Protein backbone atom coordinates (compact mmCIF):
# COMPACT_ATOMS: atom_id res chain seq x y z
CA MET A 1 3.30 -6.56 -19.65
CA LYS A 2 5.44 -5.41 -21.75
CA PHE A 3 9.14 -4.01 -22.14
CA ILE A 4 10.39 -0.77 -23.38
CA ARG A 5 13.90 0.78 -22.76
CA ALA A 6 14.29 4.00 -20.65
CA LYS A 7 17.06 6.39 -20.45
CA THR A 8 17.50 6.81 -17.28
CA ILE A 9 17.16 5.44 -14.11
CA LEU A 10 18.24 7.23 -10.81
CA ALA A 11 16.32 10.64 -10.71
CA LYS A 12 18.26 13.21 -8.40
CA VAL A 13 15.49 14.41 -5.78
CA LYS A 14 15.43 18.15 -5.06
CA ASN A 15 16.20 19.83 -2.06
CA ALA A 16 18.21 16.20 -1.42
CA PRO A 17 18.31 13.98 1.51
CA ASP A 18 13.71 15.50 1.17
CA SER A 19 12.58 15.46 4.92
CA TRP A 20 9.28 12.96 4.58
CA PHE A 21 11.25 9.98 3.37
CA GLY A 22 14.89 11.09 3.50
CA LEU A 23 15.49 10.34 -0.17
CA SER A 24 18.41 11.52 -2.54
CA TYR A 25 17.32 9.44 -5.63
CA ASN A 26 14.36 7.95 -6.98
CA MET A 27 14.78 4.70 -8.48
CA ASN A 28 11.19 3.47 -10.70
CA LEU A 29 11.89 -0.06 -12.46
CA TYR A 30 8.67 -0.40 -13.91
CA ARG A 31 5.82 1.85 -15.38
CA GLY A 32 2.01 1.29 -14.23
CA CYS A 33 1.16 -0.56 -11.67
CA GLN A 34 -0.60 -3.72 -10.89
CA HIS A 35 -2.13 -2.57 -7.51
CA GLN A 36 -4.78 -0.42 -9.04
CA CYS A 37 -5.62 1.97 -5.89
CA ILE A 38 -8.38 4.12 -6.98
CA TYR A 39 -6.43 7.38 -5.39
CA CYS A 40 -2.93 7.08 -7.46
CA ASP A 41 -1.48 10.12 -8.32
CA SER A 42 0.45 8.24 -10.75
CA ARG A 43 -2.61 8.23 -12.94
CA SER A 44 -2.14 12.25 -13.87
CA GLU A 45 -1.56 13.88 -17.19
CA CYS A 46 2.02 14.96 -16.25
CA TYR A 47 3.51 11.85 -15.49
CA GLN A 48 2.82 10.54 -19.33
CA ILE A 49 1.59 7.03 -18.86
CA GLU A 50 -1.46 6.34 -21.34
CA ASP A 51 -2.76 3.20 -19.30
CA PHE A 52 -1.86 2.68 -16.01
CA SER A 53 -2.67 -0.97 -16.05
CA GLN A 54 -0.30 -1.84 -18.67
CA ILE A 55 2.61 -2.82 -16.68
CA GLN A 56 5.86 -1.77 -18.77
CA VAL A 57 9.07 -3.14 -17.64
CA LYS A 58 12.64 -1.34 -18.14
CA GLU A 59 14.13 -3.74 -19.68
CA ASN A 60 17.88 -1.87 -19.15
CA ALA A 61 16.96 -0.82 -15.74
CA LEU A 62 19.78 -2.70 -14.34
CA ASP A 63 22.26 -1.86 -16.97
CA LEU A 64 21.70 1.58 -16.41
CA LEU A 65 21.51 1.09 -12.52
CA GLU A 66 25.02 -0.25 -12.78
CA ILE A 67 26.26 2.73 -14.77
CA GLU A 68 24.63 5.43 -12.87
CA ILE A 69 25.26 4.30 -9.47
CA LYS A 70 29.15 4.34 -9.75
CA LYS A 71 29.02 7.94 -10.92
CA LYS A 72 27.41 9.43 -8.02
CA LYS A 73 29.61 11.50 -6.37
CA LEU A 74 27.87 11.66 -3.20
CA LYS A 75 25.86 8.31 -1.89
CA GLY A 76 22.39 8.92 -0.94
CA THR A 77 19.00 7.17 -0.01
CA ILE A 78 17.74 5.47 -3.37
CA GLY A 79 14.43 5.34 -2.77
CA THR A 80 11.98 2.75 -5.01
CA GLY A 81 8.20 2.98 -4.81
CA SER A 82 6.89 6.60 -5.45
CA MET A 83 5.28 6.01 -8.82
CA ASN A 84 4.94 2.29 -9.01
CA ASP A 85 5.10 -0.67 -6.48
CA PRO A 86 8.40 -2.39 -6.85
CA TYR A 87 6.49 -5.45 -5.11
CA MET A 88 3.73 -5.77 -7.45
CA PRO A 89 2.92 -9.40 -8.66
CA THR A 90 4.78 -9.07 -12.28
CA GLU A 91 8.37 -8.76 -9.47
CA LYS A 92 7.52 -12.91 -8.44
CA LYS A 93 8.32 -13.72 -11.81
CA VAL A 94 10.74 -10.73 -13.47
CA ARG A 95 12.28 -9.91 -10.32
CA THR A 96 13.98 -6.92 -11.00
CA THR A 97 13.37 -5.22 -7.18
CA ARG A 98 15.59 -7.83 -6.34
CA LYS A 99 18.51 -7.35 -8.94
CA ALA A 100 18.49 -3.80 -8.40
CA LEU A 101 18.76 -4.28 -4.76
CA GLU A 102 21.96 -6.80 -5.70
CA ILE A 103 23.69 -3.99 -7.33
CA ILE A 104 22.52 -1.19 -4.96
CA ASN A 105 24.20 -3.85 -1.95
CA LYS A 106 27.47 -4.55 -4.20
CA TYR A 107 28.00 -0.53 -4.18
CA ASN A 108 27.00 -0.33 -0.62
CA PHE A 109 23.96 2.35 -1.31
CA PRO A 110 21.46 2.91 1.08
CA VAL A 111 17.84 2.20 0.21
CA HIS A 112 14.08 2.91 1.28
CA ILE A 113 11.57 0.77 -0.08
CA LEU A 114 8.21 2.13 -0.05
CA THR A 115 5.46 -0.89 -0.83
CA LYS A 116 2.10 -2.02 0.07
CA ASN A 117 2.69 -5.52 -1.16
CA SER A 118 4.21 -8.58 1.46
CA LEU A 119 5.97 -9.80 -1.36
CA VAL A 120 9.21 -7.67 -0.12
CA LEU A 121 9.68 -10.44 3.03
CA ARG A 122 11.32 -12.36 -0.17
CA ASP A 123 14.44 -9.61 -0.19
CA ILE A 124 14.73 -9.75 3.46
CA ASP A 125 18.28 -11.42 3.03
CA LEU A 126 19.34 -8.63 1.03
CA ILE A 127 17.76 -5.90 2.88
CA SER A 128 19.06 -6.88 5.67
CA GLU A 129 22.63 -6.94 4.31
CA ILE A 130 22.25 -3.42 3.33
CA ALA A 131 20.70 -2.40 6.28
CA LYS A 132 24.80 -2.45 7.29
CA THR A 133 24.64 0.79 5.58
CA TYR A 134 20.71 1.97 6.07
CA ALA A 135 17.75 0.04 4.75
CA ALA A 136 14.24 1.24 5.47
CA VAL A 137 10.92 -0.24 4.61
CA SER A 138 7.94 1.56 4.61
CA PHE A 139 4.73 0.09 4.41
CA THR A 140 1.42 2.23 3.07
CA ILE A 141 -1.54 1.65 4.88
CA THR A 142 -4.36 3.46 4.72
CA THR A 143 -7.45 1.82 6.31
CA ALA A 144 -7.45 -1.08 9.53
CA ASN A 145 -10.11 -2.67 8.04
CA ASP A 146 -9.33 -5.23 5.26
CA LYS A 147 -12.66 -5.42 3.35
CA LEU A 148 -12.16 -1.58 2.71
CA GLY A 149 -8.96 -1.94 1.58
CA LYS A 150 -10.13 -4.58 -0.90
CA ILE A 151 -12.22 -1.82 -2.16
CA ILE A 152 -9.86 1.14 -2.19
CA GLU A 153 -6.37 -0.70 -2.69
CA PRO A 154 -7.81 -3.74 -4.96
CA GLY A 155 -4.28 -5.19 -5.61
CA ALA A 156 -2.12 -4.93 -2.93
CA SER A 157 -1.56 -7.14 0.03
CA LEU A 158 -4.15 -6.88 2.44
CA THR A 159 -3.78 -4.72 5.95
CA SER A 160 -3.37 -7.39 7.92
CA GLU A 161 -0.57 -9.06 5.57
CA ARG A 162 1.24 -5.81 5.74
CA PHE A 163 1.51 -5.83 9.47
CA GLN A 164 2.27 -9.43 9.81
CA ALA A 165 5.18 -8.41 7.33
CA ILE A 166 6.02 -5.28 9.31
CA LYS A 167 6.85 -7.67 12.39
CA VAL A 168 8.46 -10.17 10.30
CA LEU A 169 11.13 -7.26 9.33
CA SER A 170 11.04 -5.77 12.39
CA ASP A 171 11.79 -8.66 14.21
CA ALA A 172 14.85 -9.48 11.89
CA GLY A 173 15.78 -6.10 12.82
CA ILE A 174 14.80 -3.53 9.90
CA TYR A 175 14.08 -0.09 10.23
CA THR A 176 10.60 -0.29 9.18
CA GLY A 177 7.12 1.65 9.79
CA VAL A 178 3.81 3.17 8.32
CA LEU A 179 3.12 5.85 5.74
CA LEU A 180 -0.26 6.70 6.47
CA MET A 181 -1.52 8.10 3.43
CA PRO A 182 -3.54 9.10 1.63
CA ILE A 183 -6.23 9.56 4.11
CA LEU A 184 -9.77 9.92 1.92
CA PRO A 185 -12.18 12.68 3.12
CA PHE A 186 -15.29 10.67 4.32
CA ILE A 187 -14.26 7.37 3.43
CA ASN A 188 -11.16 6.42 6.02
CA ASP A 189 -10.90 9.61 7.60
CA THR A 190 -12.41 8.60 11.42
CA LYS A 191 -10.79 8.75 14.68
CA GLU A 192 -11.19 4.95 14.98
CA ASN A 193 -9.56 4.25 11.61
CA ILE A 194 -6.57 6.35 12.55
CA THR A 195 -6.27 4.87 16.37
CA ALA A 196 -6.96 1.62 15.44
CA LEU A 197 -3.72 1.70 12.66
CA ILE A 198 -1.95 3.39 14.99
CA GLU A 199 -2.48 0.50 17.57
CA MET A 200 -1.67 -2.09 15.03
CA ALA A 201 1.45 -0.50 14.25
CA LYS A 202 2.95 -0.42 17.76
CA LYS A 203 2.18 -4.26 18.11
CA ALA A 204 3.99 -4.74 14.39
CA GLY A 205 6.67 -3.60 16.02
CA ALA A 206 7.11 0.12 13.23
CA LYS A 207 9.57 2.16 14.71
CA TYR A 208 7.51 5.37 13.09
CA ILE A 209 4.21 6.55 11.10
CA ILE A 210 4.35 9.34 8.52
CA GLY A 211 0.97 10.74 8.49
CA TRP A 212 -0.96 13.29 5.99
CA MET A 213 -4.36 13.99 6.53
CA GLY A 214 -5.68 14.69 3.28
CA MET A 215 -5.21 13.45 -0.20
CA THR A 216 -4.20 14.82 -4.09
CA LEU A 217 -6.83 14.64 -7.28
CA ARG A 218 -5.97 16.18 -10.66
CA ASP A 219 -7.22 16.01 -14.32
CA LYS A 220 -7.37 12.17 -14.86
CA GLN A 221 -6.62 10.91 -11.54
CA ARG A 222 -10.00 12.69 -10.57
CA ASP A 223 -11.97 11.27 -13.22
CA TYR A 224 -10.87 7.41 -12.33
CA TYR A 225 -11.25 8.07 -8.76
CA TYR A 226 -14.26 9.70 -8.81
CA SER A 227 -15.74 6.93 -11.31
CA LYS A 228 -14.78 4.50 -8.21
CA LEU A 229 -16.77 6.67 -5.81
CA ASP A 230 -19.84 6.16 -7.57
CA GLN A 231 -19.08 2.67 -7.82
CA HIS A 232 -18.47 1.82 -4.52
CA PHE A 233 -19.55 4.74 -2.68
CA PRO A 234 -22.45 6.48 -4.27
CA GLY A 235 -23.28 9.98 -3.45
CA ILE A 236 -19.60 10.42 -2.08
CA LYS A 237 -18.35 12.11 -4.91
CA GLU A 238 -21.10 15.31 -5.05
CA LYS A 239 -19.77 15.83 -1.62
CA TYR A 240 -16.38 15.83 -3.00
CA ILE A 241 -17.08 18.04 -6.07
CA ALA A 242 -19.35 20.84 -3.59
CA ARG A 243 -16.62 21.06 -1.16
CA TYR A 244 -13.41 20.95 -3.18
CA THR A 245 -14.13 21.90 -7.11
CA ASN A 246 -10.78 21.15 -8.58
CA GLN A 247 -8.33 21.66 -5.54
CA TYR A 248 -5.28 19.66 -6.14
CA ASN A 249 -3.95 19.21 -2.30
CA ILE A 250 -7.18 18.18 -0.27
CA ALA A 251 -7.30 18.18 3.38
CA VAL A 252 -9.86 15.78 5.30
CA PRO A 253 -12.88 17.64 6.97
CA ASP A 254 -11.43 18.49 10.62
CA GLY A 255 -8.05 18.05 9.49
CA TYR A 256 -6.15 19.52 12.19
CA LYS A 257 -7.97 17.83 14.90
CA LEU A 258 -7.49 14.45 13.14
CA GLN A 259 -3.58 15.53 13.01
CA ALA A 260 -3.63 16.30 16.43
CA LEU A 261 -5.24 13.25 17.35
CA PHE A 262 -2.73 11.25 15.36
CA GLU A 263 -0.01 13.19 16.67
CA ALA A 264 -1.36 12.36 20.24
CA LYS A 265 -1.89 8.66 19.88
CA CYS A 266 1.40 8.26 17.99
CA LYS A 267 3.38 10.15 21.25
CA GLU A 268 0.93 7.84 23.59
CA ALA A 269 2.10 4.82 21.65
CA GLY A 270 6.08 5.75 21.17
CA LEU A 271 5.77 6.07 17.72
CA SER A 272 8.09 8.85 15.83
CA THR A 273 6.27 10.62 13.43
CA LYS A 274 9.35 11.68 11.31
CA MET A 275 12.08 8.96 10.21
CA ASP A 276 15.33 8.74 10.47
CA ILE A 277 17.03 9.68 7.98
CA PHE A 278 20.10 8.86 6.50
CA LYS A 279 22.35 12.02 5.17
CA GLU A 280 24.39 11.96 2.40
CA ILE A 281 27.97 11.29 2.19
CA LYS A 282 30.96 11.10 0.35
CA PRO A 283 32.16 7.60 -0.73
CA GLU A 284 35.17 7.67 1.21
CA GLN A 285 33.11 8.48 4.06
CA LEU A 286 30.97 5.32 4.27
CA ASN A 287 34.15 3.47 3.62
CA LEU A 288 34.86 4.33 7.24
CA PHE A 289 31.90 2.78 8.41
C-alpha cells in the first residue's frame, strides 16, 4: 500500500444518471484492488494502472470530496466501486470509504455502493442515514459456488457471505440487490448457476438483479485473464481464442437464451431486473424532503 495525491475525486457520469446503476458521479478512493478478480477490466491499458495489485490510497480524497461536493449544482447519486472495491481489506485500517460516506451524509447526497465484500456491514449505520435521501448497495455475485468464487474472485468475500450481508441490509430497510456480471463463457454461464443465484437472491431479500450475459476483454486484461485460465481451467483459453479472437464485448454462447431464462426466473421470483433510480435534483428541492 502506498499513498498518492489525486487531482479530483468526483467524476461526472456521461448522460447522468446512467440507466444501469443510476450514477451521476463516480468516486474512486483507491487505485488497484485487493480482490484480484481474474476478469477485472480495470487492468486494461486505458486506466494506466501499472501494477493492479499495488494498492494506492488517495490521501487527499476526503479534502477534495468536501470541496467538490459543495460545488455540485445538481444532487445526484455518487457511485463508488467502479474501478476498485471500496470495501477491500485495506479499508478496515484506513477507513477512507467510511469517512467519505460521512461527508456524503453531511451534504445529503444519495449514494450507490458497488462491492463484493461483506465489510460494508460495518457502515450500516451511515448507509441507513444516507438512505433517508437515497442509498443502494449492490453486490456483484457471479457464481452460486463458493469454491468457484474463490478461484475467480480470490480476495473477495465468499458468495455465501455476500448473500448473508444482503439479508442484513435488506432486513435493515436498505435498498440492496445483485449485479449478476460478468458471466464468463464456459465457466459460470450455465442455467443451473443463473437459476441458483436468483433463488439465493430472493431468499436473502434482494430487491433487484441486474444481469449481463457476457464480459469484456482487452489488452493487459486479456493477457492476465488468459494466464489464469491456463492455471485454473486448462483448455478453455483456446476456446476463447477460436470463438472471440480479439473482441472487446464478449457474449456467452447461447446468450439470448440465457438472458431469456434470467428474465423469466426473475419475474417468477418477483425480482426486478432494473433499479429504482434517484433522479438528479437541485439542492433546494432536496431540502423539501
